[in-house]
Amino acid sequence: MINKIRIGTRGSRLALAQTELVKTAVRSRFPDIECETVVIKTKGDIVKEKPIAELGGAGVFAAEIEKALAEGDIDLAVHSAKDLPTALLAGNEIRCVLRRADPRDVIIYRKGIDYTFRNPKIGTSSVRRRSGFTRLFPATVPRFLDIRGNIDTRIEKLRSGKYDAIILAAAGLERLGLLTIDDSELGCEILPADRFLPAPCQAIIAAESRAGELTEILDRVNDAETFVSFNTERYVLELLGGDCSQPIGAYSYVKDGRLVLSVSNGGASVTAEGDVNEYRELAEGLVKQL
């Protein structure tokens, strides 16, 4: 049995918090294994001025970490699963995810400003979030503005008045203790997942390894139900040729032993349920309805 695992991650506060969750999950089952954090800068961390889509879309927060894994500089890579490209680097695999956190999106807004009935300045670079906001609040004519930076930076930009509201993932806020933000300046509203579909794999932490390595450890840490959702939603992305230039939403969960899946691509969502072992057929059927 290996006695030390070098875990590669981005250096943001959220990425480090997520890595700690993976380390805790490993140690709880294998207390004799030492887990070392290795911070790796990605293209998305270095180039902060351009929108993600201009940097190449999916993978800009993962490519350098995947490369370090493939070259043996680290033993495990921790990712926000929604940031992963549909095709992993050759020789790598994901066989382990942690239990999914809250998959919903959250609007954080400046108090005293009604962002639903005028021309609010909404900070989000996501075409999915822009499309979802327009559908959820049809009476609003928003001015969407690009926004980059970590969660703390984005909230400070909101406080400065650059935006009237910003849209973020609930899971990231929760992991940093910010989900219930409510002070004299800011409030927040959690958006319903059935009407504002999350990004595929949003709120899932994925642990990537070299194929065939650390299998005993990762199989015991893996959350089986979340792994079904992970594979299902990544398959939806694959079917749609998905990248961050498309407003793709997908959310799945297991209920009473059945897999429930909702999918959208800029319009109304479609939903169906099926056998958890037939997620591909379920996804294919829904994608044909879009």
Foldseek 3Di string as FASTA:
>chain_A
DAQEFEEEWADDPLGVLQVVVVVVLLCVVVVRHHYHYDHDDFQCNPDFPDPCVVVPFAPRRPVVVLVCQVVVVGFKYKDLLLSHDLDGDPQKDWPAKAPFDDQFKKKKFWPPDDQQAEAWEEEDPFPLQVLLSCQVRVNYNYRYDYDGDDPVVVVVCRQVVVGGIYMDGLLSCVSVVRNQDDDNTMGMDTDDCQSRFGQQSGRMMIMMGGPPPPVVSRNSSHDVFSVLSNVLSSLLCVVVVHGRVWNWGKGWGADPQKIKIWIDTSDRIDIDIGHSVPSNVVSVVRVVVD
